[in-house]
Amino acid sequence: MELAHIVVWGVVQGVNFRWFVQSEAERLGLVGSVKNLPGGEVEVWAEGERGIIEELVTAMKRGNGYSRVDRCTIKWKPAEGRLRDFRILMGGW
Protein backbone atom coordinates (compact mmCIF):
# COMPACT_ATOMS: atom_id res chain seq x y z
CA MET A 1 0.00 0.00 0.00
CA GLU A 2 1.19 3.47 -0.88
CA LEU A 3 0.07 7.06 -0.48
CA ALA A 4 0.36 9.36 -3.49
CA HIS A 5 0.30 13.15 -3.38
CA ILE A 6 -0.80 14.27 -6.84
CA VAL A 7 -1.05 17.85 -8.13
CA VAL A 8 -2.82 18.43 -11.45
CA TRP A 9 -2.53 21.52 -13.68
CA GLY A 10 -4.70 22.46 -16.64
CA VAL A 11 -8.41 23.09 -17.04
CA VAL A 12 -9.35 21.29 -13.83
CA GLN A 13 -11.44 23.77 -11.88
CA GLY A 14 -15.02 24.66 -12.67
CA VAL A 15 -15.49 21.56 -14.86
CA ASN A 16 -16.62 18.95 -12.27
CA PHE A 17 -13.12 17.49 -12.17
CA ARG A 18 -13.17 16.88 -8.39
CA TRP A 19 -16.40 14.88 -8.66
CA PHE A 20 -14.93 12.92 -11.56
CA VAL A 21 -11.80 12.12 -9.52
CA GLN A 22 -13.89 11.06 -6.53
CA SER A 23 -16.05 8.79 -8.70
CA GLU A 24 -13.03 7.15 -10.33
CA ALA A 25 -11.23 6.73 -7.01
CA GLU A 26 -14.27 5.11 -5.41
CA ARG A 27 -14.72 2.82 -8.44
CA LEU A 28 -11.10 1.73 -8.02
CA GLY A 29 -11.46 1.21 -4.27
CA LEU A 30 -9.05 3.99 -3.28
CA VAL A 31 -9.30 6.25 -0.25
CA GLY A 32 -8.13 9.85 0.01
CA SER A 33 -9.23 13.33 -0.97
CA VAL A 34 -9.36 15.85 -3.78
CA LYS A 35 -9.54 19.64 -3.54
CA ASN A 36 -9.03 22.81 -5.56
CA LEU A 37 -5.94 24.87 -4.82
CA PRO A 38 -5.93 28.68 -4.95
CA GLY A 39 -3.58 28.77 -7.97
CA GLY A 40 -5.98 26.80 -10.20
CA GLU A 41 -4.49 23.36 -9.59
CA VAL A 42 -6.22 20.35 -8.08
CA GLU A 43 -4.58 18.38 -5.26
CA VAL A 44 -5.27 14.67 -4.82
CA TRP A 45 -4.20 12.36 -1.99
CA ALA A 46 -4.82 8.71 -2.90
CA GLU A 47 -4.02 5.63 -0.84
CA GLY A 48 -4.02 2.06 -2.11
CA GLU A 49 -2.01 -0.26 -4.31
CA ARG A 50 0.45 1.61 -6.53
CA GLY A 51 -0.90 0.09 -9.75
CA ILE A 52 -4.46 1.10 -8.86
CA ILE A 53 -3.36 4.66 -8.07
CA GLU A 54 -1.63 4.73 -11.46
CA GLU A 55 -4.99 3.75 -13.02
CA LEU A 56 -6.54 6.77 -11.29
CA VAL A 57 -3.81 9.01 -12.72
CA THR A 58 -4.47 7.62 -16.21
CA ALA A 59 -8.20 8.35 -15.79
CA MET A 60 -7.46 11.88 -14.58
CA LYS A 61 -5.24 12.53 -17.60
CA ARG A 62 -8.04 11.27 -19.87
CA GLY A 63 -10.46 13.56 -18.04
CA ASN A 64 -14.20 13.86 -17.93
CA GLY A 65 -14.78 15.44 -21.33
CA TYR A 66 -14.69 18.99 -19.95
CA SER A 67 -11.32 18.98 -18.22
CA ARG A 68 -7.85 19.11 -19.74
CA VAL A 69 -4.78 17.97 -17.83
CA ASP A 70 -1.61 19.74 -18.95
CA ARG A 71 0.69 18.35 -16.28
CA CYS A 72 0.63 16.37 -13.06
CA THR A 73 3.19 15.49 -10.43
CA ILE A 74 3.16 12.49 -8.14
CA LYS A 75 5.09 12.04 -4.90
CA TRP A 76 4.97 8.59 -3.35
CA LYS A 77 5.27 7.61 0.31
CA PRO A 78 4.25 4.64 2.46
CA ALA A 79 0.55 4.39 3.23
CA GLU A 80 -0.50 5.70 6.61
CA GLY A 81 -3.72 3.67 6.90
CA ARG A 82 -5.68 6.53 8.47
CA LEU A 83 -8.01 7.22 5.54
CA ARG A 84 -11.39 5.48 5.35
CA ASP A 85 -13.11 6.92 2.25
CA PHE A 86 -12.55 9.31 -0.65
CA ARG A 87 -13.71 12.88 -0.05
CA ILE A 88 -14.03 16.13 -1.89
CA LEU A 89 -12.55 18.84 0.31
CA MET A 90 -13.75 22.39 -0.11
CA GLY A 91 -11.04 24.95 -0.63
CA GLY A 92 -9.28 26.84 -3.32
CA TRP A 93 -11.38 29.32 -5.19
PDB file of N, CA and C in Angstrom:
ATOM      1  N   MET A   1       0.850  -1.182   0.000  1.00  0.00           N
ATOM      2  CA  MET A   1       0.000   0.000   0.000  1.00  0.00           C
ATOM      3  C   MET A   1       0.892   1.240   0.000  1.00  0.00           C
ATOM      4  N   GLU A   2       0.443   2.220  -0.789  1.00  0.00           N
ATOM      5  CA  GLU A   2       1.186   3.472  -0.879  1.00  0.00           C
ATOM      6  C   GLU A   2       0.227   4.651  -0.797  1.00  0.00           C
ATOM      7  N   LEU A   3       0.800   5.799  -0.512  1.00  0.00           N
ATOM      8  CA  LEU A   3       0.073   7.062  -0.477  1.00  0.00           C
ATOM      9  C   LEU A   3       0.698   7.966  -1.529  1.00  0.00           C
ATOM     10  N   ALA A   4      -0.131   8.483  -2.431  1.00  0.00           N
ATOM     11  CA  ALA A   4       0.356   9.361  -3.491  1.00  0.00           C
ATOM     12  C   ALA A   4      -0.193  10.765  -3.290  1.00  0.00           C
ATOM     13  N   HIS A   5       0.695  11.737  -3.370  1.00  0.00           N
ATOM     14  CA  HIS A   5       0.297  13.150  -3.382  1.00  0.00           C
ATOM     15  C   HIS A   5       0.408  13.601  -4.827  1.00  0.00           C
ATOM     16  N   ILE A   6      -0.727  13.951  -5.421  1.00  0.00           N
ATOM     17  CA  ILE A   6      -0.800  14.275  -6.844  1.00  0.00           C
ATOM     18  C   ILE A   6      -1.290  15.712  -6.991  1.00  0.00           C
ATOM     19  N   VAL A   7      -0.597  16.497  -7.805  1.00  0.00           N
ATOM     20  CA  VAL A   7      -1.050  17.853  -8.130  1.00  0.00           C
ATOM     21  C   VAL A   7      -1.254  17.899  -9.638  1.00  0.00           C
ATOM     22  N   VAL A   8      -2.416  18.422 -10.045  1.00  0.00           N
ATOM     23  CA  VAL A   8      -2.822  18.427 -11.447  1.00  0.00           C
ATOM     24  C   VAL A   8      -3.007  19.867 -11.919  1.00  0.00           C
ATOM     25  N   TRP A   9      -2.395  20.198 -13.058  1.00  0.00           N
ATOM     26  CA  TRP A   9      -2.527  21.520 -13.677  1.00  0.00           C
ATOM     27  C   TRP A   9      -3.281  21.382 -14.992  1.00  0.00           C
ATOM     28  N   GLY A  10      -3.973  22.429 -15.376  1.00  0.00           N
ATOM     29  CA  GLY A  10      -4.697  22.461 -16.641  1.00  0.00           C
ATOM     30  C   GLY A  10      -6.063  23.073 -16.421  1.00  0.00           C
ATOM     31  N   VAL A  11      -7.026  22.660 -17.208  1.00  0.00           N
ATOM     32  CA  VAL A  11      -8.414  23.086 -17.037  1.00  0.00           C
ATOM     33  C   VAL A  11      -9.051  22.041 -16.121  1.00  0.00           C
ATOM     34  N   VAL A  12      -8.913  22.277 -14.820  1.00  0.00           N
ATOM     35  CA  VAL A  12      -9.347  21.286 -13.835  1.00  0.00           C
ATOM     36  C   VAL A  12     -10.214  21.886 -12.729  1.00  0.00           C
ATOM     37  N   GLN A  13     -10.521  23.155 -12.833  1.00  0.00           N
ATOM     38  CA  GLN A  13     -11.441  23.775 -11.877  1.00  0.00           C
ATOM     39  C   GLN A  13     -12.632  24.329 -12.645  1.00  0.00           C
ATOM     40  N   GLY A  14     -13.805  24.173 -12.045  1.00  0.00           N
ATOM     41  CA  GLY A  14     -15.025  24.664 -12.674  1.00  0.00           C
ATOM     42  C   GLY A  14     -15.570  23.747 -13.760  1.00  0.00           C
ATOM     43  N   VAL A  15     -15.063  22.508 -13.821  1.00  0.00           N
ATOM     44  CA  VAL A  15     -15.494  21.558 -14.862  1.00  0.00           C
ATOM     45  C   VAL A  15     -15.872  20.194 -14.263  1.00  0.00           C
ATOM     46  N   ASN A  16     -16.230  20.175 -12.987  1.00  0.00           N
ATOM     47  CA  ASN A  16     -16.620  18.949 -12.269  1.00  0.00           C
ATOM     48  C   ASN A  16     -15.502  17.920 -12.175  1.00  0.00           C
ATOM     49  N   PHE A  17     -14.266  18.388 -12.223  1.00  0.00           N
ATOM     50  CA  PHE A  17     -13.123  17.485 -12.167  1.00  0.00           C
ATOM     51  C   PHE A  17     -13.007  16.793 -10.815  1.00  0.00           C
ATOM     52  N   ARG A  18     -13.258  17.504  -9.718  1.00  0.00           N
ATOM     53  CA  ARG A  18     -13.166  16.880  -8.390  1.00  0.00           C
ATOM     54  C   ARG A  18     -14.164  15.734  -8.250  1.00  0.00           C
ATOM     55  N   TRP A  19     -15.383  15.926  -8.744  1.00  0.00           N
ATOM     56  CA  TRP A  19     -16.396  14.882  -8.657  1.00  0.00           C
ATOM     57  C   TRP A  19     -16.009  13.690  -9.530  1.00  0.00           C
ATOM     58  N   PHE A  20     -15.422  13.977 -10.684  1.00  0.00           N
ATOM     59  CA  PHE A  20     -14.925  12.916 -11.562  1.00  0.00           C
ATOM     60  C   PHE A  20     -13.833  12.115 -10.849  1.00  0.00           C
ATOM     61  N   VAL A  21     -12.886  12.800 -10.233  1.00  0.00           N
ATOM     62  CA  VAL A  21     -11.804  12.119  -9.520  1.00  0.00           C
ATOM     63  C   VAL A  21     -12.365  11.265  -8.386  1.00  0.00           C
ATOM     64  N   GLN A  22     -13.292  11.818  -7.625  1.00  0.00           N
ATOM     65  CA  GLN A  22     -13.895  11.055  -6.528  1.00  0.00           C
ATOM     66  C   GLN A  22     -14.583   9.800  -7.058  1.00  0.00           C
ATOM     67  N   SER A  23     -15.339   9.930  -8.125  1.00  0.00           N
ATOM     68  CA  SER A  23     -16.052   8.793  -8.697  1.00  0.00           C
ATOM     69  C   SER A  23     -15.083   7.711  -9.164  1.00  0.00           C
ATOM     70  N   GLU A  24     -14.030   8.113  -9.856  1.00  0.00           N
ATOM     71  CA  GLU A  24     -13.031   7.150 -10.332  1.00  0.00           C
ATOM     72  C   GLU A  24     -12.301   6.488  -9.165  1.00  0.00           C
ATOM     73  N   ALA A  25     -11.932   7.273  -8.168  1.00  0.00           N
ATOM     74  CA  ALA A  25     -11.228   6.725  -7.007  1.00  0.00           C
ATOM     75  C   ALA A  25     -12.101   5.707  -6.274  1.00  0.00           C
ATOM     76  N   GLU A  26     -13.371   6.036  -6.087  1.00  0.00           N
ATOM     77  CA  GLU A  26     -14.272   5.105  -5.411  1.00  0.00           C
ATOM     78  C   GLU A  26     -14.462   3.838  -6.237  1.00  0.00           C
ATOM     79  N   ARG A  27     -14.577   3.980  -7.553  1.00  0.00           N
ATOM     80  CA  ARG A  27     -14.718   2.823  -8.438  1.00  0.00           C
ATOM     81  C   ARG A  27     -13.513   1.898  -8.308  1.00  0.00           C
ATOM     82  N   LEU A  28     -12.337   2.497  -8.136  1.00  0.00           N
ATOM     83  CA  LEU A  28     -11.095   1.728  -8.025  1.00  0.00           C
ATOM     84  C   LEU A  28     -10.819   1.234  -6.607  1.00  0.00           C
ATOM     85  N   GLY A  29     -11.635   1.655  -5.646  1.00  0.00           N
ATOM     86  CA  GLY A  29     -11.460   1.212  -4.267  1.00  0.00           C
ATOM     87  C   GLY A  29     -10.382   1.965  -3.505  1.00  0.00           C
ATOM     88  N   LEU A  30     -10.071   3.181  -3.941  1.00  0.00           N
ATOM     89  CA  LEU A  30      -9.053   3.993  -3.277  1.00  0.00           C
ATOM     90  C   LEU A  30      -9.678   4.869  -2.206  1.00  0.00           C
ATOM     91  N   VAL A  31      -8.882   5.286  -1.260  1.00  0.00           N
ATOM     92  CA  VAL A  31      -9.300   6.255  -0.250  1.00  0.00           C
ATOM     93  C   VAL A  31      -8.412   7.483  -0.387  1.00  0.00           C
ATOM     94  N   GLY A  32      -8.917   8.629   0.091  1.00  0.00           N
ATOM     95  CA  GLY A  32      -8.130   9.849   0.014  1.00  0.00           C
ATOM     96  C   GLY A  32      -9.002  11.073  -0.100  1.00  0.00           C
ATOM     97  N   SER A  33      -8.486  12.072  -0.832  1.00  0.00           N
ATOM     98  CA  SER A  33      -9.228  13.325  -0.972  1.00  0.00           C
ATOM     99  C   SER A  33      -8.793  14.053  -2.234  1.00  0.00           C
ATOM    100  N   VAL A  34      -9.650  14.992  -2.633  1.00  0.00           N
ATOM    101  CA  VAL A  34      -9.363  15.849  -3.776  1.00  0.00           C
ATOM    102  C   VAL A  34      -9.873  17.247  -3.428  1.00  0.00           C
ATOM    103  N   LYS A  35      -9.083  18.268  -3.788  1.00  0.00           N
ATOM    104  CA  LYS A  35      -9.536  19.639  -3.538  1.00  0.00           C
ATOM    105  C   LYS A  35      -8.889  20.600  -4.525  1.00  0.00           C
ATOM    106  N   ASN A  36      -9.576  21.720  -4.749  1.00  0.00           N
ATOM    107  CA  ASN A  36      -9.034  22.806  -5.556  1.00  0.00           C
ATOM    108  C   ASN A  36      -7.984  23.549  -4.753  1.00  0.00           C
ATOM    109  N   LEU A  37      -6.946  24.008  -5.433  1.00  0.00           N
ATOM    110  CA  LEU A  37      -5.938  24.870  -4.816  1.00  0.00           C
ATOM    111  C   LEU A  37      -6.115  26.288  -5.338  1.00  0.00           C
ATOM    112  N   PRO A  38      -5.707  27.288  -4.572  1.00  0.00           N
ATOM    113  CA  PRO A  38      -5.926  28.681  -4.952  1.00  0.00           C
ATOM    114  C   PRO A  38      -5.304  29.085  -6.294  1.00  0.00           C
ATOM    115  N   GLY A  39      -4.246  28.409  -6.720  1.00  0.00           N
ATOM    116  CA  GLY A  39      -3.582  28.772  -7.966  1.00  0.00           C
ATOM    117  C   GLY A  39      -4.212  28.170  -9.213  1.00  0.00           C
ATOM    118  N   GLY A  40      -5.306  27.417  -9.060  1.00  0.00           N
ATOM    119  CA  GLY A  40      -5.978  26.803 -10.198  1.00  0.00           C
ATOM    120  C   GLY A  40      -5.676  25.323 -10.364  1.00  0.00           C
ATOM    121  N   GLU A  41      -4.807  24.778  -9.527  1.00  0.00           N
ATOM    122  CA  GLU A  41      -4.488  23.361  -9.590  1.00  0.00           C
ATOM    123  C   GLU A  41      -5.502  22.565  -8.764  1.00  0.00           C
ATOM    124  N   VAL A  42      -5.443  21.261  -8.916  1.00  0.00           N
ATOM    125  CA  VAL A  42      -6.216  20.349  -8.076  1.00  0.00           C
ATOM    126  C   VAL A  42      -5.225  19.429  -7.371  1.00  0.00           C
ATOM    127  N   GLU A  43      -5.437  19.237  -6.076  1.00  0.00           N
ATOM    128  CA  GLU A  43      -4.584  18.376  -5.256  1.00  0.00           C
ATOM    129  C   GLU A  43      -5.337  17.099  -4.915  1.00  0.00           C
ATOM    130  N   VAL A  44      -4.682  15.975  -5.108  1.00  0.00           N
ATOM    131  CA  VAL A  44      -5.266  14.670  -4.817  1.00  0.00           C
ATOM    132  C   VAL A  44      -4.332  13.907  -3.882  1.00  0.00           C
ATOM    133  N   TRP A  45      -4.902  13.327  -2.835  1.00  0.00           N
ATOM    134  CA  TRP A  45      -4.199  12.356  -1.992  1.00  0.00           C
ATOM    135  C   TRP A  45      -4.923  11.038  -2.221  1.00  0.00           C
ATOM    136  N   ALA A  46      -4.193  10.009  -2.636  1.00  0.00           N
ATOM    137  CA  ALA A  46      -4.816   8.712  -2.901  1.00  0.00           C
ATOM    138  C   ALA A  46      -3.993   7.621  -2.228  1.00  0.00           C
ATOM    139  N   GLU A  47      -4.689   6.728  -1.535  1.00  0.00           N
ATOM    140  CA  GLU A  47      -4.023   5.633  -0.840  1.00  0.00           C
ATOM    141  C   GLU A  47      -4.568   4.305  -1.340  1.00  0.00           C
ATOM    142  N   GLY A  48      -3.647   3.388  -1.636  1.00  0.00           N
ATOM    143  CA  GLY A  48      -4.019   2.055  -2.111  1.00  0.00           C
ATOM    144  C   GLY A  48      -2.820   1.401  -2.769  1.00  0.00           C
ATOM    145  N   GLU A  49      -3.074   0.400  -3.574  1.00  0.00           N
ATOM    146  CA  GLU A  49      -2.010  -0.265  -4.309  1.00  0.00           C
ATOM    147  C   GLU A  49      -1.473   0.666  -5.392  1.00  0.00           C
ATOM    148  N   ARG A  50      -0.182   0.690  -5.575  1.00  0.00           N
ATOM    149  CA  ARG A  50       0.450   1.614  -6.528  1.00  0.00           C
ATOM    150  C   ARG A  50      -0.150   1.496  -7.935  1.00  0.00           C
ATOM    151  N   GLY A  51      -0.339   0.282  -8.418  1.00  0.00           N
ATOM    152  CA  GLY A  51      -0.901   0.090  -9.750  1.00  0.00           C
ATOM    153  C   GLY A  51      -2.301   0.662  -9.892  1.00  0.00           C
ATOM    154  N   ILE A  52      -3.087   0.566  -8.834  1.00  0.00           N
ATOM    155  CA  ILE A  52      -4.456   1.101  -8.857  1.00  0.00           C
ATOM    156  C   ILE A  52      -4.416   2.629  -8.858  1.00  0.00           C
ATOM    157  N   ILE A  53      -3.517   3.207  -8.074  1.00  0.00           N
ATOM    158  CA  ILE A  53      -3.364   4.663  -8.074  1.00  0.00           C
ATOM    159  C   ILE A  53      -2.927   5.135  -9.462  1.00  0.00           C
ATOM    160  N   GLU A  54      -2.052   4.375 -10.101  1.00  0.00           N
ATOM    161  CA  GLU A  54      -1.633   4.730 -11.458  1.00  0.00           C
ATOM    162  C   GLU A  54      -2.808   4.685 -12.431  1.00  0.00           C
ATOM    163  N   GLU A  55      -3.770   3.774 -12.212  1.00  0.00           N
ATOM    164  CA  GLU A  55      -4.992   3.750 -13.023  1.00  0.00           C
ATOM    165  C   GLU A  55      -5.787   5.030 -12.817  1.00  0.00           C
ATOM    166  N   LEU A  56      -5.852   5.511 -11.570  1.00  0.00           N
ATOM    167  CA  LEU A  56      -6.538   6.774 -11.294  1.00  0.00           C
ATOM    168  C   LEU A  56      -5.860   7.911 -12.039  1.00  0.00           C
ATOM    169  N   VAL A  57      -4.545   7.954 -12.016  1.00  0.00           N
ATOM    170  CA  VAL A  57      -3.808   9.012 -12.718  1.00  0.00           C
ATOM    171  C   VAL A  57      -4.103   8.953 -14.214  1.00  0.00           C
ATOM    172  N   THR A  58      -4.145   7.771 -14.784  1.00  0.00           N
ATOM    173  CA  THR A  58      -4.473   7.621 -16.209  1.00  0.00           C
ATOM    174  C   THR A  58      -5.872   8.163 -16.490  1.00  0.00           C
ATOM    175  N   ALA A  59      -6.825   7.843 -15.620  1.00  0.00           N
ATOM    176  CA  ALA A  59      -8.199   8.348 -15.787  1.00  0.00           C
ATOM    177  C   ALA A  59      -8.234   9.867 -15.678  1.00  0.00           C
ATOM    178  N   MET A  60      -7.474  10.424 -14.730  1.00  0.00           N
ATOM    179  CA  MET A  60      -7.456  11.882 -14.576  1.00  0.00           C
ATOM    180  C   MET A  60      -6.889  12.540 -15.823  1.00  0.00           C
ATOM    181  N   LYS A  61      -5.839  11.961 -16.393  1.00  0.00           N
ATOM    182  CA  LYS A  61      -5.241  12.531 -17.601  1.00  0.00           C
ATOM    183  C   LYS A  61      -6.207  12.455 -18.779  1.00  0.00           C
ATOM    184  N   ARG A  62      -7.015  11.399 -18.834  1.00  0.00           N
ATOM    185  CA  ARG A  62      -8.038  11.269 -19.872  1.00  0.00           C
ATOM    186  C   ARG A  62      -9.135  12.316 -19.658  1.00  0.00           C
ATOM    187  N   GLY A  63      -9.504  12.526 -18.407  1.00  0.00           N
ATOM    188  CA  GLY A  63     -10.464  13.559 -18.040  1.00  0.00           C
ATOM    189  C   GLY A  63     -11.905  13.140 -18.188  1.00  0.00           C
ATOM    190  N   ASN A  64     -12.761  14.104 -17.930  1.00  0.00           N
ATOM    191  CA  ASN A  64     -14.204  13.858 -17.930  1.00  0.00           C
ATOM    192  C   ASN A  64     -14.912  14.431 -19.155  1.00  0.00           C
ATOM    193  N   GLY A  65     -14.171  14.855 -20.144  1.00  0.00           N
ATOM    194  CA  GLY A  65     -14.779  15.438 -21.333  1.00  0.00           C
ATOM    195  C   GLY A  65     -14.819  16.954 -21.302  1.00  0.00           C
ATOM    196  N   TYR A  66     -14.700  17.528 -20.119  1.00  0.00           N
ATOM    197  CA  TYR A  66     -14.686  18.986 -19.951  1.00  0.00           C
ATOM    198  C   TYR A  66     -13.329  19.473 -19.466  1.00  0.00           C
ATOM    199  N   SER A  67     -12.620  18.614 -18.791  1.00  0.00           N
ATOM    200  CA  SER A  67     -11.320  18.981 -18.224  1.00  0.00           C
ATOM    201  C   SER A  67     -10.209  18.749 -19.252  1.00  0.00           C
ATOM    202  N   ARG A  68      -9.061  19.351 -18.944  1.00  0.00           N
ATOM    203  CA  ARG A  68      -7.849  19.108 -19.736  1.00  0.00           C
ATOM    204  C   ARG A  68      -6.672  19.135 -18.772  1.00  0.00           C
ATOM    205  N   VAL A  69      -5.943  18.045 -18.706  1.00  0.00           N
ATOM    206  CA  VAL A  69      -4.778  17.972 -17.829  1.00  0.00           C
ATOM    207  C   VAL A  69      -3.546  18.287 -18.659  1.00  0.00           C
ATOM    208  N   ASP A  70      -2.842  19.354 -18.269  1.00  0.00           N
ATOM    209  CA  ASP A  70      -1.611  19.737 -18.951  1.00  0.00           C
ATOM    210  C   ASP A  70      -0.387  19.084 -18.318  1.00  0.00           C
ATOM    211  N   ARG A  71      -0.462  18.878 -17.008  1.00  0.00           N
ATOM    212  CA  ARG A  71       0.693  18.345 -16.279  1.00  0.00           C
ATOM    213  C   ARG A  71       0.225  17.824 -14.935  1.00  0.00           C
ATOM    214  N   CYS A  72       0.893  16.800 -14.438  1.00  0.00           N
ATOM    215  CA  CYS A  72       0.634  16.367 -13.065  1.00  0.00           C
ATOM    216  C   CYS A  72       1.914  15.822 -12.465  1.00  0.00           C
ATOM    217  N   THR A  73       2.047  16.018 -11.168  1.00  0.00           N
ATOM    218  CA  THR A  73       3.193  15.493 -10.433  1.00  0.00           C
ATOM    219  C   THR A  73       2.684  14.492  -9.408  1.00  0.00           C
ATOM    220  N   ILE A  74       3.514  13.497  -9.137  1.00  0.00           N
ATOM    221  CA  ILE A  74       3.161  12.487  -8.142  1.00  0.00           C
ATOM    222  C   ILE A  74       4.351  12.293  -7.210  1.00  0.00           C
ATOM    223  N   LYS A  75       4.092  12.363  -5.923  1.00  0.00           N
ATOM    224  CA  LYS A  75       5.088  12.043  -4.900  1.00  0.00           C
ATOM    225  C   LYS A  75       4.555  10.863  -4.106  1.00  0.00           C
ATOM    226  N   TRP A  76       5.364   9.818  -4.016  1.00  0.00           N
ATOM    227  CA  TRP A  76       4.967   8.586  -3.347  1.00  0.00           C
ATOM    228  C   TRP A  76       5.547   8.512  -1.936  1.00  0.00           C
ATOM    229  N   LYS A  77       4.778   7.919  -1.030  1.00  0.00           N
ATOM    230  CA  LYS A  77       5.265   7.615   0.306  1.00  0.00           C
ATOM    231  C   LYS A  77       4.503   6.408   0.839  1.00  0.00           C
ATOM    232  N   PRO A  78       4.965   5.802   1.906  1.00  0.00           N
ATOM    233  CA  PRO A  78       4.250   4.644   2.459  1.00  0.00           C
ATOM    234  C   PRO A  78       2.853   5.040   2.940  1.00  0.00           C
ATOM    235  N   ALA A  79       1.920   4.141   2.768  1.00  0.00           N
ATOM    236  CA  ALA A  79       0.548   4.387   3.233  1.00  0.00           C
ATOM    237  C   ALA A  79       0.532   4.578   4.743  1.00  0.00           C
ATOM    238  N   GLU A  80      -0.365   5.441   5.180  1.00  0.00           N
ATOM    239  CA  GLU A  80      -0.502   5.699   6.614  1.00  0.00           C
ATOM    240  C   GLU A  80      -1.643   4.899   7.230  1.00  0.00           C
ATOM    241  N   GLY A  81      -2.609   4.483   6.406  1.00  0.00           N
ATOM    242  CA  GLY A  81      -3.717   3.673   6.905  1.00  0.00           C
ATOM    243  C   GLY A  81      -4.745   4.413   7.727  1.00  0.00           C
ATOM    244  N   ARG A  82      -4.728   5.748   7.675  1.00  0.00           N
ATOM    245  CA  ARG A  82      -5.684   6.532   8.470  1.00  0.00           C
ATOM    246  C   ARG A  82      -6.927   6.913   7.688  1.00  0.00           C
ATOM    247  N   LEU A  83      -6.900   6.787   6.375  1.00  0.00           N
ATOM    248  CA  LEU A  83      -8.014   7.220   5.538  1.00  0.00           C
ATOM    249  C   LEU A  83      -9.051   6.111   5.423  1.00  0.00           C
ATOM    250  N   ARG A  84     -10.319   6.474   5.384  1.00  0.00           N
ATOM    251  CA  ARG A  84     -11.392   5.478   5.346  1.00  0.00           C
ATOM    252  C   ARG A  84     -12.276   5.576   4.104  1.00  0.00           C
ATOM    253  N   ASP A  85     -12.277   6.732   3.435  1.00  0.00           N
ATOM    254  CA  ASP A  85     -13.111   6.921   2.254  1.00  0.00           C
ATOM    255  C   ASP A  85     -12.431   7.937   1.346  1.00  0.00           C
ATOM    256  N   PHE A  86     -13.104   8.319   0.260  1.00  0.00           N
ATOM    257  CA  PHE A  86     -12.547   9.310  -0.646  1.00  0.00           C
ATOM    258  C   PHE A  86     -13.456  10.521  -0.623  1.00  0.00           C
ATOM    259  N   ARG A  87     -12.904  11.680  -0.255  1.00  0.00           N
ATOM    260  CA  ARG A  87     -13.712  12.882  -0.050  1.00  0.00           C
ATOM    261  C   ARG A  87     -13.296  14.031  -0.942  1.00  0.00           C
ATOM    262  N   ILE A  88     -14.279  14.840  -1.258  1.00  0.00           N
ATOM    263  CA  ILE A  88     -14.025  16.126  -1.891  1.00  0.00           C
ATOM    264  C   ILE A  88     -13.903  17.130  -0.756  1.00  0.00           C
ATOM    265  N   LEU A  89     -12.771  17.811  -0.715  1.00  0.00           N
ATOM    266  CA  LEU A  89     -12.554  18.844   0.308  1.00  0.00           C
ATOM    267  C   LEU A  89     -12.807  20.199  -0.317  1.00  0.00           C
ATOM    268  N   MET A  90     -13.500  21.048   0.385  1.00  0.00           N
ATOM    269  CA  MET A  90     -13.746  22.387  -0.111  1.00  0.00           C
ATOM    270  C   MET A  90     -12.512  23.241   0.156  1.00  0.00           C
ATOM    271  N   GLY A  91     -12.215  24.090  -0.756  1.00  0.00           N
ATOM    272  CA  GLY A  91     -11.043  24.946  -0.627  1.00  0.00           C
ATOM    273  C   GLY A  91     -10.683  25.475  -1.991  1.00  0.00           C
ATOM    274  N   GLY A  92      -9.685  26.285  -2.038  1.00  0.00           N
ATOM    275  CA  GLY A  92      -9.279  26.841  -3.320  1.00  0.00           C
ATOM    276  C   GLY A  92     -10.063  28.091  -3.633  1.00  0.00           C
ATOM    277  N   TRP A  93     -10.670  28.108  -4.761  1.00  0.00           N
ATOM    278  CA  TRP A  93     -11.375  29.325  -5.185  1.00  0.00           C
ATOM    279  C   TRP A  93     -12.765  29.211  -4.721  1.00  0.00           C
TER     280      TRP A  93
END
